[in-house]
Amino acid sequence: DFRRREATRFSLPFFPAAPSAVPSISQTPSSSLSPSMSWSPSTTPSSSSSPSMSPSLSMSPTLSSSPTMTCVPIEINVFTDDYPGETLWGISTFVIVDGIQETNLVHDSSSQIELQVDAKLYNATHIENSQTETSVNGVLCDCGDGTSLCECQGEVCIIERGHNLFYEKVVNCKDAGGVAAIIYNNVGDDVSFWTLGEGFSASIPAAFISQTDGKYLVEHGLGEVVAMTASSSLQFNANTLNSRRFCLPKGEYEFTIYDSAGDGIILPGHYNVTSSNGALIAEGGEFRTSETTPFSIPFALAPSMSPSSPPTTTPSSSSSPSMSPSPSMSPSSSFSPTETCYWIEIAVVYDDWPSSTSWELQRVVDDDGGGGNELVKESLQGSSGETSHVESICLQEGEYEFTLRDYDGLCCYYGEGYYNVTSSNGALIAEGGAFDDSETTSFSIPFVPTPPAA
């Protein structure tokens, strides 16, 4: 019994549950993620579009390592149309409460935070009504449960949830000279929406993390360098590329993008969501009021289905598609958060004609000795008014080629543009600006700099 539509979520391979183990679940949409949600566009550039060309460890986080919670970085890219104020997005996850499936908003375009400790990216959410549009750095300092002042002058307070209000914890951190606050859960690993409370605010940024991550940082992370960036919204300027990156733990999610005018993102505007290995999770732009894409973390690429190998209902251990649940349905190219990846940063300063500049990153694939390339990531062309673009990508071990294209180079006919590609430790992989049409650099991951000549 339903009205306009009915949706059922399932996984492949599919394993039926015993009848006694299946609770009665009803879909209960959350009111926290809807086209009517309020937000305020910001003209403050986000850290992802910073014109700074200086390689920085804080721009190149690695996956949080055990025993902290494993999370996978994803990136959301929105290329806006002429009406950027109509667009917003959110990422939700699902929890079961008293047998009822509820939707929890975990990230949205109205408030974002990026948290790194010792150059590792952690899954965190911004605590509403704490400071935004700021980036801070400081060493990690234990502030207990935040019921009293602690000695954290110029440092980042880490505080356990419980015993008093979030507002009191953050204010106590600020009054002790702290530059930012991290509150960790004391009853589990949920990092959904949290707030200082209506009518309360704080002049330092505050983030919320899981109990697992919090306990690990208190035991092993004190004194490590923390970098925190808090933003109130995406840089929603017309006809520009806006990027956000954060870390998601294992689970089931939905990405929803909204347009309040009901006409989607008008071409050439569009959006995409990618995982840290460059795999495409969602993309689009031609929709009406909203468009939703479900996905899982870790994100697995769809298995390749060869037309010459039609599905069969006979169980088989071969790689051909099969109707029986089998480990062979799991694609070998899926990205597991336990795999090692290495961050690189691509930075481009445009000349006077940014629309003529683009780049692509390809992985060199040796197919039976014949060679070949597999596209990992490519940029959009720059747009009028843009001066620079910075992007971080996490690459698995292998051989790669980076190509930058501009029909007259970046320098020096129409301005003095340039580009560079750096590894997470600041080593220079590629750089240039004066070239004809295109320039390609081959490199290996992990990247080992060539020693200087004797």
Protein backbone atom coordinates (compact mmCIF):
# COMPACT_ATOMS: atom_id res chain seq x y z
CA ASP A 1 0.00 0.00 0.00
CA PHE A 2 1.64 3.23 -1.14
CA ARG A 3 0.77 6.37 -3.08
CA ARG A 4 3.14 7.87 -5.64
CA ARG A 5 6.17 5.66 -5.20
CA GLU A 6 7.82 3.11 -2.94
CA ALA A 7 11.58 2.48 -2.58
CA THR A 8 13.44 -0.54 -1.26
CA ARG A 9 17.14 -0.45 -0.40
CA PHE A 10 19.21 -3.60 -0.95
CA SER A 11 22.81 -4.67 -1.51
CA LEU A 12 24.47 -6.92 -4.09
CA PRO A 13 25.36 -9.67 -3.48
CA PHE A 14 22.02 -10.14 -1.68
CA PHE A 15 21.83 -12.37 1.39
CA PRO A 16 18.28 -12.92 2.76
CA ALA A 17 17.89 -12.42 6.50
CA ALA A 18 16.12 -14.92 8.72
CA PRO A 19 12.46 -13.84 9.18
CA SER A 20 12.82 -13.60 12.96
CA ALA A 21 15.76 -11.24 12.60
CA VAL A 22 13.98 -8.70 10.38
CA PRO A 23 12.37 -5.83 12.31
CA SER A 24 9.40 -3.96 10.93
CA ILE A 25 10.95 -0.88 9.36
CA SER A 26 9.06 2.15 8.17
CA GLN A 27 10.62 4.96 6.18
CA THR A 28 10.73 8.11 8.28
CA PRO A 29 12.28 10.97 6.30
CA SER A 30 14.17 13.52 8.34
CA SER A 31 12.96 17.07 8.28
CA SER A 32 16.54 18.28 8.63
CA LEU A 33 17.29 17.84 4.93
CA SER A 34 14.70 19.42 2.67
CA PRO A 35 14.50 22.04 -0.06
CA SER A 36 13.27 24.51 2.56
CA MET A 37 16.39 24.30 4.71
CA SER A 38 17.82 27.77 5.30
CA TRP A 39 21.35 28.77 4.46
CA SER A 40 23.37 31.86 3.68
CA PRO A 41 25.74 32.00 0.70
CA SER A 42 29.23 33.16 1.51
CA THR A 43 31.62 35.21 -0.55
CA THR A 44 34.57 33.96 1.44
CA PRO A 45 36.63 31.56 -0.69
CA SER A 46 36.88 28.05 0.68
CA SER A 47 40.23 26.46 1.42
CA SER A 48 39.89 24.27 -1.66
CA SER A 49 40.07 27.29 -3.97
CA SER A 50 42.86 29.10 -2.25
CA PRO A 51 45.24 30.77 -4.68
CA SER A 52 48.22 29.82 -2.56
CA MET A 53 50.65 27.74 -4.56
CA SER A 54 52.75 26.77 -1.56
CA PRO A 55 52.57 23.02 -0.87
CA SER A 56 51.37 22.36 2.66
CA LEU A 57 51.01 19.22 4.73
CA SER A 58 47.64 20.47 5.93
CA MET A 59 46.38 20.38 2.35
CA SER A 60 47.40 16.75 1.93
CA PRO A 61 45.78 14.59 4.60
CA THR A 62 46.14 10.83 4.72
CA LEU A 63 43.60 8.30 5.89
CA SER A 64 43.24 8.03 9.63
CA SER A 65 45.12 4.92 10.71
CA SER A 66 44.17 2.20 13.18
CA PRO A 67 43.08 2.18 15.97
CA THR A 68 41.10 5.30 15.02
CA MET A 69 37.96 4.91 12.92
CA THR A 70 38.81 4.28 9.27
CA CYS A 71 37.22 6.84 6.96
CA VAL A 72 37.40 7.47 3.23
CA PRO A 73 37.77 11.02 1.82
CA ILE A 74 35.18 12.04 -0.77
CA GLU A 75 34.93 15.23 -2.79
CA ILE A 76 31.87 17.17 -3.93
CA ASN A 77 32.28 19.46 -6.94
CA VAL A 78 29.50 21.84 -7.98
CA PHE A 79 29.87 23.99 -11.09
CA THR A 80 27.15 26.58 -10.60
CA ASP A 81 24.84 28.16 -13.17
CA ASP A 82 23.74 31.82 -13.30
CA TYR A 83 21.62 31.36 -10.16
CA PRO A 84 23.87 29.81 -7.49
CA GLY A 85 21.58 30.87 -4.64
CA GLU A 86 19.07 28.22 -5.72
CA THR A 87 21.45 25.30 -5.11
CA LEU A 88 22.24 23.35 -1.95
CA TRP A 89 23.11 19.74 -1.10
CA GLY A 90 23.29 17.29 1.80
CA ILE A 91 24.64 13.84 2.70
CA SER A 92 22.55 11.62 4.97
CA THR A 93 23.05 8.25 6.61
CA PHE A 94 20.58 5.80 8.16
CA VAL A 95 20.12 4.55 11.69
CA ILE A 96 17.61 2.18 13.27
CA VAL A 97 15.89 3.60 16.38
CA ASP A 98 13.32 1.35 18.10
CA GLY A 99 12.86 -0.62 14.90
CA ILE A 100 12.29 2.53 12.82
CA GLN A 101 14.73 3.60 10.11
CA GLU A 102 15.61 7.27 10.52
CA THR A 103 17.63 9.56 8.28
CA ASN A 104 20.46 11.58 9.84
CA LEU A 105 22.04 14.54 8.08
CA VAL A 106 25.84 14.27 8.42
CA HIS A 107 27.12 16.96 6.03
CA ASP A 108 25.49 19.73 4.03
CA SER A 109 26.42 22.80 2.02
CA SER A 110 25.32 25.19 4.77
CA SER A 111 28.05 24.31 7.28
CA GLN A 112 31.31 22.44 6.78
CA ILE A 113 34.45 21.64 8.73
CA GLU A 114 37.71 19.95 7.78
CA LEU A 115 39.73 18.52 10.66
CA GLN A 116 43.28 17.19 10.46
CA VAL A 117 45.47 15.97 13.30
CA ASP A 118 49.10 15.21 12.48
CA ALA A 119 48.17 15.61 8.77
CA LYS A 120 45.48 12.88 9.02
CA LEU A 121 41.92 13.70 7.97
CA TYR A 122 39.24 12.84 10.56
CA ASN A 123 35.49 12.44 10.17
CA ALA A 124 34.02 15.49 11.89
CA THR A 125 30.93 17.70 11.83
CA HIS A 126 30.73 21.41 12.51
CA ILE A 127 28.94 22.31 15.76
CA GLU A 128 26.26 24.81 14.80
CA ASN A 129 26.64 28.39 16.09
CA SER A 130 30.39 28.06 16.61
CA GLN A 131 32.66 30.26 14.49
CA THR A 132 32.85 29.78 10.72
CA GLU A 133 34.88 31.28 7.87
CA THR A 134 38.12 30.60 9.69
CA SER A 135 41.19 28.35 9.61
CA VAL A 136 43.17 27.69 12.78
CA ASN A 137 46.25 25.70 13.77
CA GLY A 138 47.47 24.60 17.18
CA VAL A 139 48.65 21.61 19.16
CA LEU A 140 46.10 19.28 20.74
CA CYS A 141 45.41 19.89 24.45
CA ASP A 142 43.33 17.72 26.82
CA CYS A 143 40.53 19.73 28.42
CA GLY A 144 38.82 16.82 30.21
CA ASP A 145 35.03 17.16 30.20
CA GLY A 146 35.17 20.93 29.79
CA THR A 147 33.41 21.76 33.06
CA SER A 148 36.24 24.09 34.09
CA LEU A 149 39.07 26.07 32.52
CA CYS A 150 42.15 24.19 31.35
CA GLU A 151 45.66 25.27 30.42
CA CYS A 152 45.32 25.40 26.64
CA GLN A 153 46.58 28.87 25.72
CA GLY A 154 46.94 29.07 21.93
CA GLU A 155 46.04 25.38 21.59
CA VAL A 156 43.13 23.22 20.39
CA CYS A 157 41.02 21.80 23.23
CA ILE A 158 39.79 18.20 23.02
CA ILE A 159 36.79 17.71 25.32
CA GLU A 160 34.62 14.73 26.26
CA ARG A 161 30.86 15.03 25.82
CA GLY A 162 28.71 14.98 28.98
CA HIS A 163 28.22 16.76 32.36
CA ASN A 164 27.55 20.22 30.92
CA LEU A 165 26.30 22.03 27.82
CA PHE A 166 28.28 22.13 24.59
CA TYR A 167 28.16 25.91 24.81
CA GLU A 168 29.79 25.85 28.24
CA LYS A 169 32.52 23.50 27.06
CA VAL A 170 33.41 25.69 24.07
CA VAL A 171 33.31 28.93 26.08
CA ASN A 172 35.54 27.39 28.78
CA CYS A 173 38.01 26.43 26.06
CA LYS A 174 37.95 29.97 24.64
CA ASP A 175 38.33 31.58 28.08
CA ALA A 176 41.36 29.36 28.70
CA GLY A 177 42.95 30.79 25.55
CA GLY A 178 42.05 27.91 23.24
CA VAL A 179 41.81 28.65 19.51
CA ALA A 180 39.36 25.83 18.67
CA ALA A 181 37.43 23.03 20.39
CA ILE A 182 36.96 19.36 19.49
CA ILE A 183 34.19 17.57 21.41
CA TYR A 184 34.08 13.78 21.18
CA ASN A 185 31.12 11.51 21.77
CA ASN A 186 30.92 9.59 25.05
CA VAL A 187 28.20 7.12 24.02
CA GLY A 188 29.24 5.84 20.60
CA ASP A 189 30.50 6.91 17.20
CA ASP A 190 27.55 8.96 15.88
CA VAL A 191 28.77 12.31 14.54
CA SER A 192 25.46 13.66 13.24
CA PHE A 193 24.20 17.24 13.59
CA TRP A 194 25.13 19.00 16.86
CA THR A 195 24.58 22.59 18.04
CA LEU A 196 25.58 25.01 20.79
CA GLY A 197 21.88 25.71 21.20
CA GLU A 198 19.47 28.36 20.01
CA GLY A 199 20.57 31.81 21.08
CA PHE A 200 24.13 30.70 21.91
CA SER A 201 27.28 31.34 19.88
CA ALA A 202 31.04 31.07 20.24
CA SER A 203 33.89 33.03 18.68
CA ILE A 204 36.07 29.95 18.08
CA PRO A 205 35.30 27.02 15.74
CA ALA A 206 34.12 23.72 17.23
CA ALA A 207 33.97 20.22 15.75
CA PHE A 208 32.34 16.97 16.89
CA ILE A 209 34.02 13.57 16.41
CA SER A 210 33.37 9.94 17.36
CA GLN A 211 34.11 8.34 20.71
CA THR A 212 36.65 6.01 19.06
CA ASP A 213 38.58 8.88 17.48
CA GLY A 214 38.32 11.03 20.59
CA LYS A 215 39.72 8.41 22.96
CA TYR A 216 42.54 7.63 20.53
CA LEU A 217 43.53 11.30 20.26
CA VAL A 218 43.47 11.77 24.04
CA GLU A 219 45.73 8.72 24.47
CA HIS A 220 48.04 9.20 21.50
CA GLY A 221 47.49 12.62 19.88
CA LEU A 222 48.17 15.21 22.59
CA GLY A 223 50.81 17.65 21.40
CA GLU A 224 50.19 16.84 17.72
CA VAL A 225 49.45 19.69 15.30
CA VAL A 226 45.77 20.27 14.55
CA ALA A 227 44.49 22.11 11.47
CA MET A 228 40.80 23.04 11.40
CA THR A 229 38.89 24.93 8.69
CA ALA A 230 35.26 25.92 9.25
CA SER A 231 33.02 27.40 6.56
CA SER A 232 29.39 28.49 6.67
CA SER A 233 28.61 27.50 3.09
CA LEU A 234 30.03 26.56 -0.28
CA GLN A 235 31.51 29.42 -2.25
CA PHE A 236 28.35 29.69 -4.30
CA ASN A 237 29.40 32.23 -6.91
CA ALA A 238 27.83 32.15 -10.35
CA ASN A 239 29.47 29.98 -13.02
CA THR A 240 32.36 28.78 -10.85
CA LEU A 241 33.65 25.42 -9.65
CA ASN A 242 33.15 24.94 -5.91
CA SER A 243 34.73 21.94 -4.17
CA ARG A 244 34.39 20.43 -0.71
CA ARG A 245 36.21 17.44 0.76
CA PHE A 246 35.56 15.46 3.94
CA CYS A 247 35.96 11.95 5.35
CA LEU A 248 33.16 9.36 5.75
CA PRO A 249 33.33 6.14 7.80
CA LYS A 250 31.97 2.82 6.55
CA GLY A 251 28.21 2.91 6.03
CA GLU A 252 25.25 3.55 3.74
CA TYR A 253 24.63 7.11 2.54
CA GLU A 254 22.52 9.27 0.26
CA PHE A 255 23.69 12.38 -1.58
CA THR A 256 20.87 14.79 -2.41
CA ILE A 257 21.21 18.02 -4.37
CA TYR A 258 18.39 20.59 -4.45
CA ASP A 259 17.38 23.49 -6.66
CA SER A 260 14.78 25.79 -5.14
CA ALA A 261 13.57 27.07 -8.54
CA GLY A 262 12.83 23.53 -9.75
CA ASP A 263 14.99 23.74 -12.89
CA GLY A 264 18.15 21.94 -11.74
CA ILE A 265 21.60 23.32 -12.51
CA ILE A 266 21.29 24.89 -15.93
CA LEU A 267 23.96 23.87 -18.47
CA PRO A 268 26.89 24.17 -18.53
CA GLY A 269 26.46 23.89 -14.76
CA HIS A 270 26.69 20.40 -13.24
CA TYR A 271 27.96 18.45 -10.22
CA ASN A 272 29.86 15.29 -9.33
CA VAL A 273 30.82 13.35 -6.22
CA THR A 274 34.03 11.29 -6.26
CA SER A 275 35.85 8.99 -3.86
CA SER A 276 39.50 9.48 -2.96
CA ASN A 277 40.68 7.16 -5.75
CA GLY A 278 38.85 9.26 -8.35
CA ALA A 279 35.92 6.83 -8.74
CA LEU A 280 32.66 8.56 -9.69
CA ILE A 281 29.92 8.22 -7.05
CA ALA A 282 27.33 10.60 -8.52
CA GLU A 283 27.02 13.20 -11.25
CA GLY A 284 24.34 15.22 -12.97
CA GLY A 285 22.72 18.61 -13.25
CA GLU A 286 19.61 18.09 -15.36
CA PHE A 287 16.94 17.56 -12.71
CA ARG A 288 14.03 19.55 -11.36
CA THR A 289 13.69 20.13 -7.61
CA SER A 290 16.09 17.46 -6.35
CA GLU A 291 18.16 14.42 -7.27
CA THR A 292 19.29 11.68 -4.87
CA THR A 293 22.04 9.06 -5.27
CA PRO A 294 22.53 6.27 -2.67
CA PHE A 295 26.09 4.97 -2.16
CA SER A 296 28.19 2.93 0.26
CA ILE A 297 31.53 3.61 1.96
CA PRO A 298 33.90 2.01 1.08
CA PHE A 299 32.75 2.80 -2.44
CA ALA A 300 32.93 -0.09 -4.91
CA LEU A 301 33.02 0.47 -8.65
CA ALA A 302 30.24 -1.27 -10.55
CA PRO A 303 31.46 -4.63 -11.95
CA SER A 304 32.12 -4.70 -15.66
CA MET A 305 29.45 -6.72 -17.50
CA SER A 306 30.72 -8.15 -20.78
CA PRO A 307 28.00 -8.58 -23.49
CA SER A 308 29.64 -11.87 -24.48
CA SER A 309 29.06 -13.26 -20.99
CA PRO A 310 25.29 -13.08 -20.35
CA PRO A 311 23.92 -13.61 -16.82
CA THR A 312 23.16 -17.15 -15.81
CA THR A 313 21.13 -18.62 -12.97
CA THR A 314 23.69 -21.38 -12.47
CA PRO A 315 26.10 -20.70 -9.62
CA SER A 316 29.60 -20.36 -10.94
CA SER A 317 33.01 -19.40 -9.61
CA SER A 318 33.91 -17.70 -12.91
CA SER A 319 34.06 -13.93 -13.31
CA SER A 320 30.95 -13.93 -15.51
CA PRO A 321 27.91 -12.26 -13.93
CA SER A 322 25.97 -14.76 -11.84
CA MET A 323 22.58 -14.71 -10.11
CA SER A 324 23.95 -16.48 -7.04
CA PRO A 325 25.54 -14.51 -4.19
CA SER A 326 29.24 -14.97 -4.68
CA PRO A 327 32.43 -13.14 -3.75
CA SER A 328 33.06 -12.88 -7.50
CA MET A 329 30.47 -10.08 -7.62
CA SER A 330 32.79 -7.82 -5.64
CA PRO A 331 34.82 -5.75 -8.14
CA SER A 332 38.54 -6.08 -7.74
CA SER A 333 38.94 -2.37 -8.45
CA SER A 334 36.98 -1.27 -5.39
CA PHE A 335 38.69 1.08 -3.00
CA SER A 336 39.15 -0.31 0.48
CA PRO A 337 39.94 2.12 3.27
CA THR A 338 42.71 -0.26 4.33
CA GLU A 339 44.55 0.32 1.05
CA THR A 340 47.33 2.87 1.12
CA CYS A 341 46.92 5.99 -0.97
CA TYR A 342 49.25 8.96 -1.35
CA TRP A 343 48.03 12.55 -1.55
CA ILE A 344 49.15 14.91 -4.27
CA GLU A 345 48.16 18.53 -4.79
CA ILE A 346 47.53 20.15 -8.18
CA ALA A 347 47.71 23.96 -8.17
CA VAL A 348 47.07 26.15 -11.22
CA VAL A 349 47.34 29.94 -11.47
CA TYR A 350 45.51 31.02 -14.63
CA ASP A 351 46.63 33.56 -17.20
CA ASP A 352 44.21 36.16 -18.60
CA TRP A 353 42.15 33.44 -20.33
CA PRO A 354 41.25 30.77 -17.74
CA SER A 355 38.65 29.23 -20.06
CA SER A 356 41.46 27.94 -22.31
CA THR A 357 43.10 25.93 -19.50
CA SER A 358 42.32 22.36 -18.41
CA TRP A 359 44.19 19.32 -17.09
CA GLU A 360 43.83 15.57 -16.76
CA LEU A 361 45.45 12.89 -14.64
CA GLN A 362 45.74 9.36 -16.04
CA ARG A 363 46.99 6.09 -14.63
CA VAL A 364 49.22 4.10 -16.98
CA VAL A 365 47.79 0.59 -17.26
CA ASP A 366 49.97 -2.21 -18.67
CA ASP A 367 47.53 -4.40 -20.56
CA ASP A 368 49.41 -7.52 -21.75
CA GLY A 369 52.43 -5.39 -22.46
CA GLY A 370 50.50 -3.14 -24.84
CA GLY A 371 50.23 -0.17 -22.50
CA GLY A 372 47.24 2.10 -22.08
CA ASN A 373 45.86 4.86 -19.88
CA GLU A 374 42.95 5.01 -17.43
CA LEU A 375 41.46 8.42 -16.61
CA VAL A 376 41.65 9.20 -12.88
CA LYS A 377 40.52 12.86 -12.78
CA GLU A 378 40.10 15.73 -15.17
CA SER A 379 39.40 19.39 -14.54
CA LEU A 380 36.76 21.65 -15.93
CA GLN A 381 37.95 24.57 -17.98
CA GLY A 382 38.53 27.67 -15.91
CA SER A 383 35.81 30.31 -15.98
CA SER A 384 35.93 34.07 -16.40
CA GLY A 385 37.07 35.78 -13.23
CA GLU A 386 38.84 32.75 -11.78
CA THR A 387 42.48 33.35 -10.86
CA SER A 388 43.52 29.93 -9.54
CA HIS A 389 42.45 26.41 -8.66
CA VAL A 390 43.87 23.97 -6.10
CA GLU A 391 42.84 20.33 -5.82
CA SER A 392 44.05 17.38 -3.72
CA ILE A 393 43.78 13.75 -4.90
CA CYS A 394 44.75 10.53 -3.14
CA LEU A 395 46.44 8.04 -5.51
CA GLN A 396 47.17 4.37 -5.11
CA GLU A 397 50.58 2.96 -6.01
CA GLY A 398 51.27 2.98 -9.75
CA GLU A 399 52.46 4.93 -12.79
CA TYR A 400 50.70 8.18 -13.76
CA GLU A 401 50.71 10.95 -16.36
CA PHE A 402 49.66 14.54 -15.68
CA THR A 403 48.81 16.69 -18.71
CA LEU A 404 48.01 20.41 -18.65
CA ARG A 405 46.47 21.95 -21.78
CA ASP A 406 46.31 25.57 -22.92
CA TYR A 407 46.47 26.49 -26.58
CA ASP A 408 49.16 29.14 -25.98
CA GLY A 409 50.55 27.94 -22.65
CA LEU A 410 50.00 29.65 -19.30
CA CYS A 411 52.89 32.05 -19.77
CA CYS A 412 53.72 34.49 -21.09
CA TYR A 413 51.57 35.76 -23.99
CA TYR A 414 48.47 36.71 -21.98
CA GLY A 415 49.57 36.92 -18.38
CA GLU A 416 52.02 35.00 -16.22
CA GLY A 417 50.20 31.83 -15.18
CA TYR A 418 51.87 28.66 -13.98
CA TYR A 419 51.15 25.30 -12.36
CA ASN A 420 52.73 22.76 -10.07
CA VAL A 421 52.03 19.27 -8.75
CA THR A 422 53.42 18.33 -5.34
CA SER A 423 53.42 15.28 -3.10
CA SER A 424 52.16 15.33 0.50
CA ASN A 425 55.65 16.04 1.84
CA GLY A 426 56.07 19.04 -0.46
CA ALA A 427 58.26 17.30 -3.07
CA LEU A 428 57.85 18.80 -6.53
CA ILE A 429 56.43 16.34 -9.09
CA ALA A 430 55.78 18.73 -12.00
CA GLU A 431 55.77 22.45 -12.73
CA GLY A 432 55.67 24.78 -15.67
CA GLY A 433 53.83 27.49 -17.56
CA ALA A 434 55.68 28.25 -20.79
CA PHE A 435 54.70 25.56 -23.32
CA ASP A 436 52.82 25.15 -26.60
CA ASP A 437 49.33 23.59 -26.48
CA SER A 438 50.05 20.98 -23.78
CA GLU A 439 52.67 19.60 -21.41
CA THR A 440 52.81 16.06 -19.93
CA THR A 441 54.79 14.77 -16.95
CA SER A 442 55.11 11.06 -16.06
CA PHE A 443 55.63 10.06 -12.43
CA SER A 444 55.28 7.16 -10.01
CA ILE A 445 53.31 6.77 -6.77
CA PRO A 446 54.77 6.61 -4.18
CA PHE A 447 56.80 9.54 -5.48
CA VAL A 448 60.56 9.47 -4.89
CA PRO A 449 62.30 12.74 -5.85
CA THR A 450 65.31 12.48 -8.15
CA PRO A 451 68.45 13.23 -6.11
CA PRO A 452 70.37 16.32 -7.28
CA ALA A 453 73.30 15.71 -9.59
CA ALA A 454 76.67 15.54 -7.87
